[in-house]
N, C-alpha and C. Protein backbone atom coordinates (compact mmCIF):
# COMPACT_ATOMS: atom_id res chain seq x y z
N MET A 1 -59.66 -55.68 -56.67
CA MET A 1 -59.16 -54.35 -56.96
C MET A 1 -57.93 -54.09 -56.11
N ALA A 2 -56.94 -53.49 -56.72
CA ALA A 2 -55.70 -53.21 -56.00
C ALA A 2 -55.23 -51.80 -56.33
N LEU A 3 -54.68 -51.16 -55.32
CA LEU A 3 -54.17 -49.80 -55.47
C LEU A 3 -52.67 -49.86 -55.76
N ASN A 4 -52.23 -49.04 -56.74
CA ASN A 4 -50.83 -48.94 -57.11
C ASN A 4 -50.20 -50.29 -57.49
N PRO A 5 -50.73 -50.96 -58.52
CA PRO A 5 -50.08 -52.18 -59.01
C PRO A 5 -48.71 -51.86 -59.60
N GLN A 6 -47.89 -52.87 -59.77
CA GLN A 6 -46.55 -52.67 -60.29
C GLN A 6 -46.59 -52.13 -61.72
N LEU A 7 -45.73 -51.14 -61.99
CA LEU A 7 -45.65 -50.52 -63.31
C LEU A 7 -44.20 -50.52 -63.78
N PHE A 8 -44.03 -50.55 -65.10
CA PHE A 8 -42.72 -50.30 -65.68
C PHE A 8 -42.44 -48.80 -65.62
N ALA A 9 -41.21 -48.42 -65.94
CA ALA A 9 -40.82 -47.02 -65.88
C ALA A 9 -41.62 -46.16 -66.86
N ASN A 10 -42.11 -46.77 -67.95
CA ASN A 10 -42.90 -46.02 -68.94
C ASN A 10 -44.38 -45.96 -68.58
N GLY A 11 -44.76 -46.49 -67.40
CA GLY A 11 -46.15 -46.45 -66.95
C GLY A 11 -46.97 -47.66 -67.33
N MET A 12 -46.43 -48.54 -68.14
CA MET A 12 -47.15 -49.75 -68.54
C MET A 12 -47.21 -50.72 -67.36
N PRO A 13 -48.37 -51.33 -67.10
CA PRO A 13 -48.46 -52.29 -65.99
C PRO A 13 -47.57 -53.51 -66.23
N VAL A 14 -46.93 -53.99 -65.17
CA VAL A 14 -46.18 -55.24 -65.24
C VAL A 14 -47.18 -56.38 -65.40
N PRO A 15 -47.06 -57.20 -66.44
CA PRO A 15 -48.10 -58.21 -66.71
C PRO A 15 -48.00 -59.43 -65.81
N PHE A 16 -49.12 -60.14 -65.70
CA PHE A 16 -49.16 -61.44 -65.07
C PHE A 16 -48.77 -62.50 -66.11
N VAL A 17 -48.48 -63.70 -65.63
CA VAL A 17 -48.27 -64.83 -66.53
C VAL A 17 -49.55 -65.04 -67.35
N ASN A 18 -49.41 -65.20 -68.66
CA ASN A 18 -50.52 -65.43 -69.59
C ASN A 18 -51.42 -64.21 -69.80
N GLU A 19 -51.00 -63.06 -69.30
CA GLU A 19 -51.80 -61.86 -69.53
C GLU A 19 -51.49 -61.27 -70.90
N LEU A 20 -52.53 -60.90 -71.63
CA LEU A 20 -52.40 -60.27 -72.94
C LEU A 20 -53.07 -58.90 -72.89
N PHE A 21 -52.30 -57.86 -73.13
CA PHE A 21 -52.88 -56.53 -73.17
C PHE A 21 -53.54 -56.31 -74.53
N VAL A 22 -54.78 -55.85 -74.49
CA VAL A 22 -55.59 -55.66 -75.69
C VAL A 22 -55.47 -54.23 -76.22
N LEU A 23 -55.51 -53.25 -75.32
CA LEU A 23 -55.50 -51.86 -75.77
C LEU A 23 -55.06 -50.93 -74.67
N ALA A 24 -54.77 -49.70 -75.08
CA ALA A 24 -54.51 -48.59 -74.15
C ALA A 24 -55.29 -47.39 -74.64
N ARG A 25 -55.91 -46.68 -73.72
CA ARG A 25 -56.73 -45.51 -74.08
C ARG A 25 -56.35 -44.35 -73.16
N ASP A 26 -55.69 -43.34 -73.75
CA ASP A 26 -55.35 -42.18 -72.94
C ASP A 26 -56.44 -41.11 -73.07
N GLY A 27 -56.23 -39.98 -72.40
CA GLY A 27 -57.21 -38.91 -72.46
C GLY A 27 -58.51 -39.21 -71.74
N VAL A 28 -58.43 -40.05 -70.70
CA VAL A 28 -59.64 -40.37 -69.93
C VAL A 28 -59.52 -39.78 -68.53
N GLU A 29 -60.67 -39.60 -67.90
CA GLU A 29 -60.72 -39.23 -66.49
C GLU A 29 -61.31 -40.41 -65.74
N PHE A 30 -60.70 -40.76 -64.63
CA PHE A 30 -61.12 -41.93 -63.87
C PHE A 30 -61.53 -41.51 -62.47
N GLU A 31 -62.67 -42.03 -62.03
CA GLU A 31 -63.17 -41.75 -60.69
C GLU A 31 -63.48 -43.07 -59.99
N VAL A 32 -63.14 -43.16 -58.71
CA VAL A 32 -63.48 -44.33 -57.92
C VAL A 32 -63.66 -43.90 -56.47
N ASP A 33 -64.53 -44.59 -55.74
CA ASP A 33 -64.81 -44.20 -54.36
C ASP A 33 -64.26 -45.22 -53.37
N LYS A 34 -64.41 -44.88 -52.09
CA LYS A 34 -64.05 -45.74 -50.97
C LYS A 34 -62.57 -46.12 -50.98
N ILE A 35 -61.73 -45.10 -51.18
CA ILE A 35 -60.29 -45.30 -51.17
C ILE A 35 -59.73 -44.85 -49.82
N PRO A 36 -59.16 -45.75 -49.05
CA PRO A 36 -58.63 -45.37 -47.73
C PRO A 36 -57.54 -44.31 -47.83
N GLY A 37 -57.65 -43.29 -46.99
CA GLY A 37 -56.63 -42.27 -46.91
C GLY A 37 -56.73 -41.16 -47.93
N SER A 38 -57.67 -41.24 -48.88
CA SER A 38 -57.81 -40.20 -49.88
C SER A 38 -58.84 -39.16 -49.44
N HIS A 39 -58.84 -38.00 -50.09
CA HIS A 39 -59.75 -36.93 -49.73
C HIS A 39 -61.20 -37.38 -49.97
N SER A 40 -62.01 -37.37 -48.93
CA SER A 40 -63.42 -37.80 -49.00
C SER A 40 -63.56 -39.24 -49.47
N GLY A 41 -62.47 -40.00 -49.40
CA GLY A 41 -62.53 -41.40 -49.82
C GLY A 41 -62.62 -41.59 -51.32
N LYS A 42 -62.41 -40.53 -52.10
CA LYS A 42 -62.54 -40.62 -53.55
C LYS A 42 -61.22 -40.33 -54.24
N PHE A 43 -61.04 -40.97 -55.37
CA PHE A 43 -59.86 -40.76 -56.22
C PHE A 43 -60.35 -40.33 -57.60
N LYS A 44 -59.77 -39.23 -58.11
CA LYS A 44 -60.17 -38.72 -59.41
C LYS A 44 -58.92 -38.17 -60.10
N ALA A 45 -58.66 -38.62 -61.33
CA ALA A 45 -57.46 -38.18 -62.02
C ALA A 45 -57.61 -38.41 -63.52
N ARG A 46 -56.77 -37.71 -64.30
CA ARG A 46 -56.67 -37.94 -65.74
C ARG A 46 -55.53 -38.91 -66.00
N GLY A 47 -55.67 -39.72 -67.06
CA GLY A 47 -54.61 -40.66 -67.36
C GLY A 47 -54.98 -41.63 -68.46
N THR A 48 -54.46 -42.85 -68.34
CA THR A 48 -54.60 -43.89 -69.37
C THR A 48 -55.21 -45.14 -68.78
N ILE A 49 -56.12 -45.75 -69.52
CA ILE A 49 -56.69 -47.05 -69.16
C ILE A 49 -56.04 -48.12 -70.03
N TYR A 50 -55.51 -49.17 -69.37
CA TYR A 50 -55.00 -50.35 -70.07
C TYR A 50 -56.00 -51.49 -69.86
N LEU A 51 -56.32 -52.19 -70.94
CA LEU A 51 -57.28 -53.29 -70.87
C LEU A 51 -56.60 -54.57 -71.34
N SER A 52 -56.70 -55.62 -70.52
CA SER A 52 -56.12 -56.91 -70.87
C SER A 52 -57.18 -58.00 -70.74
N ASN A 53 -56.77 -59.24 -70.96
CA ASN A 53 -57.70 -60.36 -70.79
C ASN A 53 -57.91 -60.71 -69.32
N ILE A 54 -57.29 -59.98 -68.41
CA ILE A 54 -57.44 -60.23 -66.98
C ILE A 54 -58.05 -59.05 -66.24
N ARG A 55 -57.69 -57.81 -66.66
CA ARG A 55 -58.03 -56.66 -65.82
C ARG A 55 -58.04 -55.36 -66.62
N MET A 56 -58.53 -54.32 -65.97
CA MET A 56 -58.34 -52.95 -66.40
C MET A 56 -57.39 -52.29 -65.41
N VAL A 57 -56.48 -51.49 -65.92
CA VAL A 57 -55.58 -50.75 -65.05
C VAL A 57 -55.60 -49.28 -65.46
N PHE A 58 -55.94 -48.42 -64.52
CA PHE A 58 -55.86 -46.98 -64.76
C PHE A 58 -54.53 -46.49 -64.21
N VAL A 59 -53.79 -45.74 -65.04
CA VAL A 59 -52.52 -45.14 -64.62
C VAL A 59 -52.64 -43.63 -64.77
N ALA A 60 -52.48 -42.90 -63.68
CA ALA A 60 -52.65 -41.45 -63.69
C ALA A 60 -51.48 -40.76 -64.37
N ASP A 61 -51.78 -39.66 -65.07
CA ASP A 61 -50.71 -38.84 -65.66
C ASP A 61 -49.83 -38.24 -64.57
N LYS A 62 -50.47 -37.82 -63.47
CA LYS A 62 -49.76 -37.25 -62.34
C LYS A 62 -50.27 -37.91 -61.07
N PRO A 63 -49.38 -38.32 -60.16
CA PRO A 63 -49.83 -38.94 -58.91
C PRO A 63 -50.73 -37.99 -58.11
N SER A 64 -51.73 -38.56 -57.46
CA SER A 64 -52.60 -37.81 -56.58
C SER A 64 -52.35 -38.29 -55.16
N GLY A 65 -51.50 -37.57 -54.44
CA GLY A 65 -51.07 -38.06 -53.14
C GLY A 65 -50.20 -39.29 -53.36
N ASN A 66 -50.57 -40.40 -52.72
CA ASN A 66 -49.82 -41.64 -52.92
C ASN A 66 -50.48 -42.55 -53.94
N LEU A 67 -51.48 -42.03 -54.68
CA LEU A 67 -52.21 -42.82 -55.66
C LEU A 67 -51.64 -42.58 -57.05
N VAL A 68 -51.22 -43.67 -57.68
CA VAL A 68 -50.65 -43.58 -59.02
C VAL A 68 -51.46 -44.42 -60.01
N ALA A 69 -51.92 -45.57 -59.58
CA ALA A 69 -52.61 -46.49 -60.49
C ALA A 69 -53.65 -47.30 -59.74
N PHE A 70 -54.57 -47.86 -60.51
CA PHE A 70 -55.68 -48.61 -59.93
C PHE A 70 -55.95 -49.83 -60.80
N ASP A 71 -56.06 -51.01 -60.18
CA ASP A 71 -56.17 -52.29 -60.86
C ASP A 71 -57.56 -52.89 -60.60
N MET A 72 -58.28 -53.27 -61.67
CA MET A 72 -59.64 -53.81 -61.53
C MET A 72 -59.75 -55.14 -62.29
N PRO A 73 -59.78 -56.28 -61.59
CA PRO A 73 -59.95 -57.56 -62.26
C PRO A 73 -61.29 -57.63 -62.99
N LEU A 74 -61.28 -58.10 -64.22
CA LEU A 74 -62.52 -58.15 -65.00
C LEU A 74 -63.56 -59.08 -64.37
N LEU A 75 -63.09 -60.15 -63.72
CA LEU A 75 -64.04 -61.07 -63.08
C LEU A 75 -64.76 -60.43 -61.91
N TYR A 76 -64.26 -59.32 -61.41
CA TYR A 76 -64.84 -58.67 -60.25
C TYR A 76 -65.66 -57.43 -60.60
N VAL A 77 -65.76 -57.13 -61.89
CA VAL A 77 -66.54 -55.98 -62.35
C VAL A 77 -68.00 -56.37 -62.51
N SER A 78 -68.92 -55.49 -62.13
CA SER A 78 -70.36 -55.76 -62.27
C SER A 78 -71.11 -54.46 -62.53
N ARG A 79 -72.33 -54.59 -62.99
CA ARG A 79 -73.23 -53.46 -63.22
C ARG A 79 -72.60 -52.39 -64.13
N GLU A 80 -71.78 -52.85 -65.07
CA GLU A 80 -71.15 -51.90 -65.99
C GLU A 80 -72.19 -51.32 -66.95
N LYS A 81 -72.04 -50.06 -67.28
CA LYS A 81 -73.02 -49.35 -68.11
C LYS A 81 -72.33 -48.27 -68.92
N PHE A 82 -72.71 -48.18 -70.18
CA PHE A 82 -72.20 -47.12 -71.04
C PHE A 82 -73.25 -46.03 -71.15
N SER A 83 -72.86 -44.79 -70.90
CA SER A 83 -73.79 -43.65 -70.93
C SER A 83 -73.30 -42.60 -71.92
N GLN A 84 -74.27 -41.99 -72.62
CA GLN A 84 -73.99 -40.91 -73.56
C GLN A 84 -74.85 -39.69 -73.21
N PRO A 85 -74.49 -38.99 -72.13
CA PRO A 85 -75.28 -37.82 -71.72
C PRO A 85 -75.16 -36.70 -72.74
N ILE A 86 -76.19 -35.89 -72.82
CA ILE A 86 -76.24 -34.83 -73.83
C ILE A 86 -75.20 -33.75 -73.56
N PHE A 87 -75.06 -33.36 -72.30
CA PHE A 87 -74.20 -32.22 -71.98
C PHE A 87 -72.89 -32.61 -71.29
N HIS A 88 -72.59 -33.91 -71.23
CA HIS A 88 -71.37 -34.34 -70.56
C HIS A 88 -70.67 -35.40 -71.40
N CYS A 89 -69.52 -35.86 -70.92
CA CYS A 89 -68.71 -36.82 -71.68
C CYS A 89 -69.35 -38.21 -71.67
N ASN A 90 -69.15 -38.93 -72.78
CA ASN A 90 -69.49 -40.35 -72.78
C ASN A 90 -68.69 -41.04 -71.67
N ASN A 91 -69.29 -42.03 -71.03
CA ASN A 91 -68.60 -42.67 -69.92
C ASN A 91 -69.06 -44.10 -69.71
N ILE A 92 -68.22 -44.86 -69.06
CA ILE A 92 -68.55 -46.21 -68.59
C ILE A 92 -68.48 -46.18 -67.07
N SER A 93 -69.52 -46.69 -66.43
CA SER A 93 -69.54 -46.76 -64.97
C SER A 93 -69.84 -48.19 -64.55
N GLY A 94 -69.57 -48.49 -63.29
CA GLY A 94 -69.85 -49.82 -62.78
C GLY A 94 -69.33 -50.00 -61.37
N ASN A 95 -69.38 -51.23 -60.90
CA ASN A 95 -68.86 -51.60 -59.58
C ASN A 95 -67.73 -52.59 -59.75
N VAL A 96 -66.84 -52.63 -58.79
CA VAL A 96 -65.78 -53.64 -58.79
C VAL A 96 -65.55 -54.10 -57.36
N GLU A 97 -65.44 -55.42 -57.20
CA GLU A 97 -65.23 -56.01 -55.88
C GLU A 97 -63.75 -55.99 -55.52
N PRO A 98 -63.43 -55.96 -54.25
CA PRO A 98 -62.03 -56.01 -53.82
C PRO A 98 -61.47 -57.41 -53.95
N VAL A 99 -60.17 -57.51 -54.13
CA VAL A 99 -59.47 -58.79 -54.08
C VAL A 99 -59.08 -59.03 -52.63
N VAL A 100 -59.82 -59.88 -51.95
CA VAL A 100 -59.65 -60.08 -50.51
C VAL A 100 -58.62 -61.18 -50.24
N PRO A 101 -57.58 -60.91 -49.46
CA PRO A 101 -56.63 -61.95 -49.08
C PRO A 101 -57.33 -63.11 -48.39
N GLU A 102 -56.81 -64.32 -48.57
CA GLU A 102 -57.47 -65.52 -48.07
C GLU A 102 -57.65 -65.49 -46.55
N ASN A 103 -56.76 -64.84 -45.85
CA ASN A 103 -56.82 -64.87 -44.38
C ASN A 103 -57.60 -63.70 -43.78
N GLU A 104 -58.31 -62.95 -44.64
CA GLU A 104 -59.05 -61.80 -44.13
C GLU A 104 -60.54 -61.90 -44.43
N ASN A 105 -61.32 -61.16 -43.66
CA ASN A 105 -62.78 -61.21 -43.74
C ASN A 105 -63.28 -60.30 -44.86
N ARG A 106 -64.10 -60.85 -45.76
CA ARG A 106 -64.66 -60.06 -46.86
C ARG A 106 -65.46 -58.87 -46.35
N ALA A 107 -66.07 -59.00 -45.18
CA ALA A 107 -66.91 -57.92 -44.64
C ALA A 107 -66.11 -56.66 -44.33
N LEU A 108 -64.80 -56.78 -44.25
CA LEU A 108 -63.96 -55.62 -43.95
C LEU A 108 -63.65 -54.80 -45.20
N TYR A 109 -64.06 -55.28 -46.35
CA TYR A 109 -63.73 -54.62 -47.61
C TYR A 109 -65.00 -54.15 -48.32
N SER A 110 -64.92 -52.99 -48.93
CA SER A 110 -66.08 -52.39 -49.58
C SER A 110 -66.05 -52.61 -51.09
N THR A 111 -67.25 -52.68 -51.67
CA THR A 111 -67.37 -52.67 -53.13
C THR A 111 -67.20 -51.23 -53.60
N HIS A 112 -66.44 -51.05 -54.67
CA HIS A 112 -66.16 -49.71 -55.18
C HIS A 112 -67.02 -49.40 -56.40
N SER A 113 -67.38 -48.14 -56.54
CA SER A 113 -68.03 -47.65 -57.74
C SER A 113 -67.00 -46.87 -58.55
N PHE A 114 -66.97 -47.10 -59.86
CA PHE A 114 -65.99 -46.41 -60.69
C PHE A 114 -66.68 -45.79 -61.91
N LYS A 115 -65.98 -44.84 -62.52
CA LYS A 115 -66.47 -44.22 -63.75
C LYS A 115 -65.26 -43.86 -64.62
N ILE A 116 -65.36 -44.17 -65.90
CA ILE A 116 -64.33 -43.82 -66.89
C ILE A 116 -64.97 -42.82 -67.84
N LEU A 117 -64.46 -41.59 -67.87
CA LEU A 117 -65.01 -40.55 -68.73
C LEU A 117 -64.05 -40.30 -69.90
N PHE A 118 -64.60 -40.35 -71.12
CA PHE A 118 -63.79 -40.18 -72.31
C PHE A 118 -63.72 -38.68 -72.65
N LYS A 119 -62.63 -38.06 -72.21
CA LYS A 119 -62.48 -36.61 -72.32
C LYS A 119 -61.97 -36.15 -73.68
N GLU A 120 -61.30 -37.03 -74.39
CA GLU A 120 -60.68 -36.65 -75.66
C GLU A 120 -61.03 -37.68 -76.74
N GLY A 121 -61.68 -37.23 -77.80
CA GLY A 121 -61.98 -38.11 -78.92
C GLY A 121 -63.17 -39.02 -78.65
N GLY A 122 -63.42 -39.92 -79.62
CA GLY A 122 -64.54 -40.84 -79.50
C GLY A 122 -64.20 -42.06 -78.67
N CYS A 123 -65.13 -43.02 -78.64
CA CYS A 123 -64.91 -44.24 -77.86
C CYS A 123 -65.47 -45.46 -78.58
N GLY A 124 -65.61 -45.35 -79.91
CA GLY A 124 -66.21 -46.43 -80.68
C GLY A 124 -65.36 -47.67 -80.80
N THR A 125 -64.07 -47.56 -80.50
CA THR A 125 -63.19 -48.74 -80.46
C THR A 125 -63.17 -49.34 -79.06
N PHE A 126 -62.99 -48.49 -78.05
CA PHE A 126 -62.84 -48.97 -76.68
C PHE A 126 -64.09 -49.66 -76.17
N VAL A 127 -65.24 -49.03 -76.34
CA VAL A 127 -66.47 -49.53 -75.70
C VAL A 127 -66.85 -50.93 -76.17
N PRO A 128 -66.90 -51.23 -77.50
CA PRO A 128 -67.24 -52.60 -77.90
C PRO A 128 -66.24 -53.65 -77.41
N LEU A 129 -64.95 -53.31 -77.46
CA LEU A 129 -63.95 -54.27 -76.99
C LEU A 129 -64.10 -54.53 -75.49
N PHE A 130 -64.36 -53.48 -74.73
CA PHE A 130 -64.54 -53.63 -73.29
C PHE A 130 -65.71 -54.56 -72.97
N PHE A 131 -66.85 -54.31 -73.58
CA PHE A 131 -68.03 -55.12 -73.26
C PHE A 131 -67.90 -56.55 -73.81
N ASN A 132 -67.27 -56.72 -74.98
CA ASN A 132 -67.06 -58.07 -75.51
C ASN A 132 -66.10 -58.86 -74.62
N LEU A 133 -65.09 -58.19 -74.10
CA LEU A 133 -64.14 -58.87 -73.24
C LEU A 133 -64.77 -59.25 -71.91
N ILE A 134 -65.53 -58.36 -71.33
CA ILE A 134 -66.25 -58.67 -70.08
C ILE A 134 -67.18 -59.87 -70.30
N ARG A 135 -67.90 -59.87 -71.41
CA ARG A 135 -68.82 -60.97 -71.71
C ARG A 135 -68.07 -62.29 -71.88
N GLY A 136 -66.93 -62.24 -72.58
CA GLY A 136 -66.16 -63.45 -72.78
C GLY A 136 -65.59 -64.01 -71.48
N VAL A 137 -65.11 -63.14 -70.61
CA VAL A 137 -64.57 -63.56 -69.32
C VAL A 137 -65.66 -64.24 -68.50
N ARG A 138 -66.85 -63.68 -68.48
CA ARG A 138 -67.94 -64.26 -67.69
C ARG A 138 -68.38 -65.60 -68.25
N GLN A 139 -68.47 -65.71 -69.58
CA GLN A 139 -68.89 -66.97 -70.19
C GLN A 139 -67.90 -68.07 -69.87
N TYR A 140 -66.60 -67.75 -69.95
CA TYR A 140 -65.60 -68.76 -69.62
C TYR A 140 -65.70 -69.17 -68.15
N ASN A 141 -65.85 -68.21 -67.27
CA ASN A 141 -65.91 -68.50 -65.85
C ASN A 141 -67.14 -69.33 -65.50
N GLN A 142 -68.27 -69.07 -66.15
CA GLN A 142 -69.49 -69.85 -65.91
C GLN A 142 -69.30 -71.30 -66.36
N GLN A 143 -68.65 -71.50 -67.49
CA GLN A 143 -68.41 -72.86 -67.97
C GLN A 143 -67.55 -73.63 -66.99
N PHE A 144 -66.53 -72.95 -66.44
CA PHE A 144 -65.67 -73.62 -65.48
C PHE A 144 -66.43 -73.92 -64.20
N THR A 145 -67.25 -72.96 -63.76
CA THR A 145 -67.99 -73.14 -62.51
C THR A 145 -68.92 -74.35 -62.59
N HIS A 146 -69.58 -74.55 -63.73
CA HIS A 146 -70.49 -75.68 -63.89
C HIS A 146 -69.75 -77.01 -63.83
N ALA A 147 -68.45 -77.00 -64.17
CA ALA A 147 -67.69 -78.24 -64.22
C ALA A 147 -66.92 -78.52 -62.95
N ALA A 148 -66.98 -77.63 -62.00
CA ALA A 148 -66.19 -77.78 -60.78
C ALA A 148 -67.09 -77.69 -59.55
N PRO A 149 -66.67 -78.27 -58.42
CA PRO A 149 -67.50 -78.23 -57.21
C PRO A 149 -67.61 -76.84 -56.61
N GLU A 150 -66.60 -75.97 -56.84
CA GLU A 150 -66.64 -74.63 -56.28
C GLU A 150 -66.32 -73.60 -57.36
N PRO A 151 -66.91 -72.43 -57.28
CA PRO A 151 -66.61 -71.39 -58.27
C PRO A 151 -65.14 -70.99 -58.23
N ARG A 152 -64.62 -70.69 -59.38
CA ARG A 152 -63.25 -70.19 -59.46
C ARG A 152 -63.26 -68.69 -59.18
N VAL A 153 -62.52 -68.28 -58.18
CA VAL A 153 -62.54 -66.89 -57.77
C VAL A 153 -61.21 -66.18 -58.03
N ASP A 154 -60.17 -66.93 -58.43
CA ASP A 154 -58.89 -66.31 -58.72
C ASP A 154 -59.04 -65.42 -59.96
N PRO A 155 -58.79 -64.11 -59.84
CA PRO A 155 -58.98 -63.23 -61.00
C PRO A 155 -58.07 -63.57 -62.17
N LEU A 156 -56.97 -64.29 -61.93
CA LEU A 156 -56.06 -64.65 -63.02
C LEU A 156 -56.63 -65.73 -63.92
N GLN A 157 -57.71 -66.39 -63.50
CA GLN A 157 -58.32 -67.40 -64.35
C GLN A 157 -58.91 -66.78 -65.61
N ALA A 158 -59.15 -65.48 -65.57
CA ALA A 158 -59.67 -64.80 -66.76
C ALA A 158 -58.70 -64.86 -67.92
N SER A 159 -57.42 -65.18 -67.64
CA SER A 159 -56.42 -65.22 -68.71
C SER A 159 -56.70 -66.30 -69.73
N GLN A 160 -57.56 -67.27 -69.40
CA GLN A 160 -57.89 -68.34 -70.33
C GLN A 160 -58.89 -67.90 -71.40
N THR A 161 -59.48 -66.73 -71.22
CA THR A 161 -60.46 -66.23 -72.20
C THR A 161 -59.78 -65.94 -73.53
N PRO A 162 -60.26 -66.53 -74.63
CA PRO A 162 -59.63 -66.26 -75.94
C PRO A 162 -59.92 -64.84 -76.41
N VAL A 163 -58.87 -64.13 -76.79
CA VAL A 163 -59.04 -62.74 -77.22
C VAL A 163 -58.56 -62.49 -78.64
N ASP A 164 -57.83 -63.45 -79.23
CA ASP A 164 -57.27 -63.24 -80.57
C ASP A 164 -58.36 -62.94 -81.60
N GLU A 165 -59.41 -63.76 -81.61
CA GLU A 165 -60.49 -63.56 -82.58
C GLU A 165 -61.18 -62.23 -82.34
N MET A 166 -61.37 -61.89 -81.10
CA MET A 166 -62.02 -60.63 -80.74
C MET A 166 -61.23 -59.44 -81.28
N MET A 167 -59.92 -59.49 -81.16
CA MET A 167 -59.09 -58.38 -81.60
C MET A 167 -59.03 -58.29 -83.12
N ARG A 168 -59.04 -59.44 -83.79
CA ARG A 168 -58.97 -59.43 -85.26
C ARG A 168 -60.21 -58.78 -85.87
N HIS A 169 -61.34 -58.90 -85.17
CA HIS A 169 -62.59 -58.37 -85.70
C HIS A 169 -63.02 -57.08 -85.02
N ALA A 170 -62.10 -56.46 -84.30
CA ALA A 170 -62.43 -55.23 -83.60
C ALA A 170 -62.71 -54.10 -84.59
N TYR A 171 -63.74 -53.32 -84.29
CA TYR A 171 -64.04 -52.13 -85.09
C TYR A 171 -63.12 -51.00 -84.66
N VAL A 172 -62.48 -50.36 -85.64
CA VAL A 172 -61.58 -49.26 -85.34
C VAL A 172 -62.27 -47.94 -85.70
N ASP A 173 -62.59 -47.18 -84.68
CA ASP A 173 -63.23 -45.88 -84.84
C ASP A 173 -62.15 -44.84 -85.11
N PRO A 174 -62.16 -44.18 -86.28
CA PRO A 174 -61.10 -43.20 -86.57
C PRO A 174 -61.09 -42.02 -85.61
N ASN A 175 -62.17 -41.79 -84.89
CA ASN A 175 -62.24 -40.69 -83.94
C ASN A 175 -61.82 -41.11 -82.52
N ASP A 176 -61.51 -42.40 -82.36
CA ASP A 176 -61.14 -42.93 -81.05
C ASP A 176 -59.63 -43.12 -81.00
N PRO A 177 -58.92 -42.43 -80.08
CA PRO A 177 -57.46 -42.56 -80.00
C PRO A 177 -56.96 -43.83 -79.34
N THR A 178 -57.85 -44.80 -79.10
CA THR A 178 -57.44 -46.06 -78.49
C THR A 178 -56.36 -46.74 -79.33
N LYS A 179 -55.34 -47.27 -78.65
CA LYS A 179 -54.28 -48.03 -79.32
C LYS A 179 -54.50 -49.51 -79.07
N ILE A 180 -54.68 -50.29 -80.15
CA ILE A 180 -54.83 -51.73 -80.04
C ILE A 180 -53.46 -52.38 -80.17
N PHE A 181 -53.14 -53.30 -79.27
CA PHE A 181 -51.84 -53.95 -79.26
C PHE A 181 -51.86 -55.20 -80.14
N LEU A 182 -51.30 -55.10 -81.34
CA LEU A 182 -51.17 -56.26 -82.21
C LEU A 182 -49.98 -57.12 -81.78
N GLN A 183 -49.03 -56.51 -81.10
CA GLN A 183 -47.93 -57.22 -80.46
C GLN A 183 -47.87 -56.77 -79.01
N GLN A 184 -47.49 -57.68 -78.14
CA GLN A 184 -47.45 -57.34 -76.73
C GLN A 184 -46.34 -56.33 -76.45
N PRO A 185 -46.68 -55.25 -75.72
CA PRO A 185 -45.70 -54.18 -75.48
C PRO A 185 -44.68 -54.49 -74.39
N THR A 186 -44.87 -55.59 -73.65
CA THR A 186 -43.97 -55.90 -72.53
C THR A 186 -43.48 -57.35 -72.65
N PRO A 187 -42.47 -57.61 -73.49
CA PRO A 187 -42.02 -58.99 -73.73
C PRO A 187 -41.14 -59.57 -72.63
N GLN A 188 -40.80 -58.79 -71.59
CA GLN A 188 -39.88 -59.27 -70.56
C GLN A 188 -40.55 -60.34 -69.71
N SER A 189 -40.49 -61.60 -70.15
CA SER A 189 -41.20 -62.68 -69.47
C SER A 189 -40.70 -62.90 -68.05
N ASN A 190 -39.43 -62.56 -67.78
CA ASN A 190 -38.90 -62.79 -66.43
C ASN A 190 -39.51 -61.85 -65.40
N LEU A 191 -40.20 -60.79 -65.86
CA LEU A 191 -40.82 -59.86 -64.93
C LEU A 191 -42.30 -60.16 -64.70
N ARG A 192 -42.82 -61.16 -65.36
CA ARG A 192 -44.26 -61.43 -65.24
C ARG A 192 -44.61 -61.97 -63.86
N ARG A 193 -45.72 -61.48 -63.34
CA ARG A 193 -46.18 -61.87 -62.01
C ARG A 193 -47.02 -63.15 -62.09
N ARG A 194 -47.07 -63.88 -60.99
CA ARG A 194 -47.79 -65.15 -60.95
C ARG A 194 -48.94 -65.15 -59.96
N THR A 195 -49.11 -64.08 -59.22
CA THR A 195 -50.17 -64.05 -58.20
C THR A 195 -50.73 -62.64 -58.06
N TYR A 196 -51.96 -62.56 -57.59
CA TYR A 196 -52.58 -61.26 -57.35
C TYR A 196 -52.30 -60.75 -55.94
N HIS A 197 -51.52 -61.48 -55.17
CA HIS A 197 -51.20 -61.02 -53.83
C HIS A 197 -50.38 -59.73 -53.91
N SER A 198 -50.47 -58.91 -52.89
CA SER A 198 -49.83 -57.61 -52.89
C SER A 198 -48.33 -57.72 -53.06
N GLN A 199 -47.81 -56.76 -53.87
CA GLN A 199 -46.37 -56.63 -54.03
C GLN A 199 -45.92 -55.40 -53.27
N THR A 200 -44.62 -55.12 -53.30
CA THR A 200 -44.08 -53.93 -52.65
C THR A 200 -44.74 -52.68 -53.21
N GLY A 201 -45.31 -51.85 -52.35
CA GLY A 201 -45.94 -50.63 -52.79
C GLY A 201 -47.36 -50.81 -53.29
N GLU A 202 -47.84 -52.04 -53.30
CA GLU A 202 -49.19 -52.30 -53.82
C GLU A 202 -50.11 -52.63 -52.65
N GLN A 203 -51.32 -52.15 -52.71
CA GLN A 203 -52.27 -52.34 -51.63
C GLN A 203 -53.57 -52.90 -52.19
N VAL A 204 -54.00 -54.05 -51.66
CA VAL A 204 -55.29 -54.62 -52.03
C VAL A 204 -56.36 -53.95 -51.21
N ILE A 205 -57.43 -53.45 -51.88
CA ILE A 205 -58.45 -52.71 -51.14
C ILE A 205 -59.83 -53.19 -51.54
């Protein structure tokens, strides 16, 4: 997980090499805990969720202090759950592990709890794609782990997960304002990142 990943001027996340953005969903509220320097250690804002074959990125409509965006590698997400409460918004909650630099102690970093609340419209497009993508990323990573002496922990390895077939068969809910990317919205290949290490203005937490 990283705080304030690189963004284009239009708010779209700067992609990694081999990253394919699947969808964008605006009108959501995002909550996450254990954020250094934030009020009560929590971050809460309205904005847009971008989902790719590597990560989820929340981009706030308005900055909250120095917080603008939040990056969650799919390989580091766990205990994800979809809830449909009677008197509240449909939501997805879960945990996400920090992306720890190689030279630092994992014990210094906390696991975060997050929640995505769908404040506007339905979620019948977003939710199946999210869970199918998480499942595909894990299946690929398990296959690689069985074939190698050590587990692959680089979150960018998720880019090998095939998503074309998944997107072709995606269910489109007419009540869900999710935008599916049939063409990649950021073709500037010279701007693509090659590592999850922190960039200028970005903080791994």
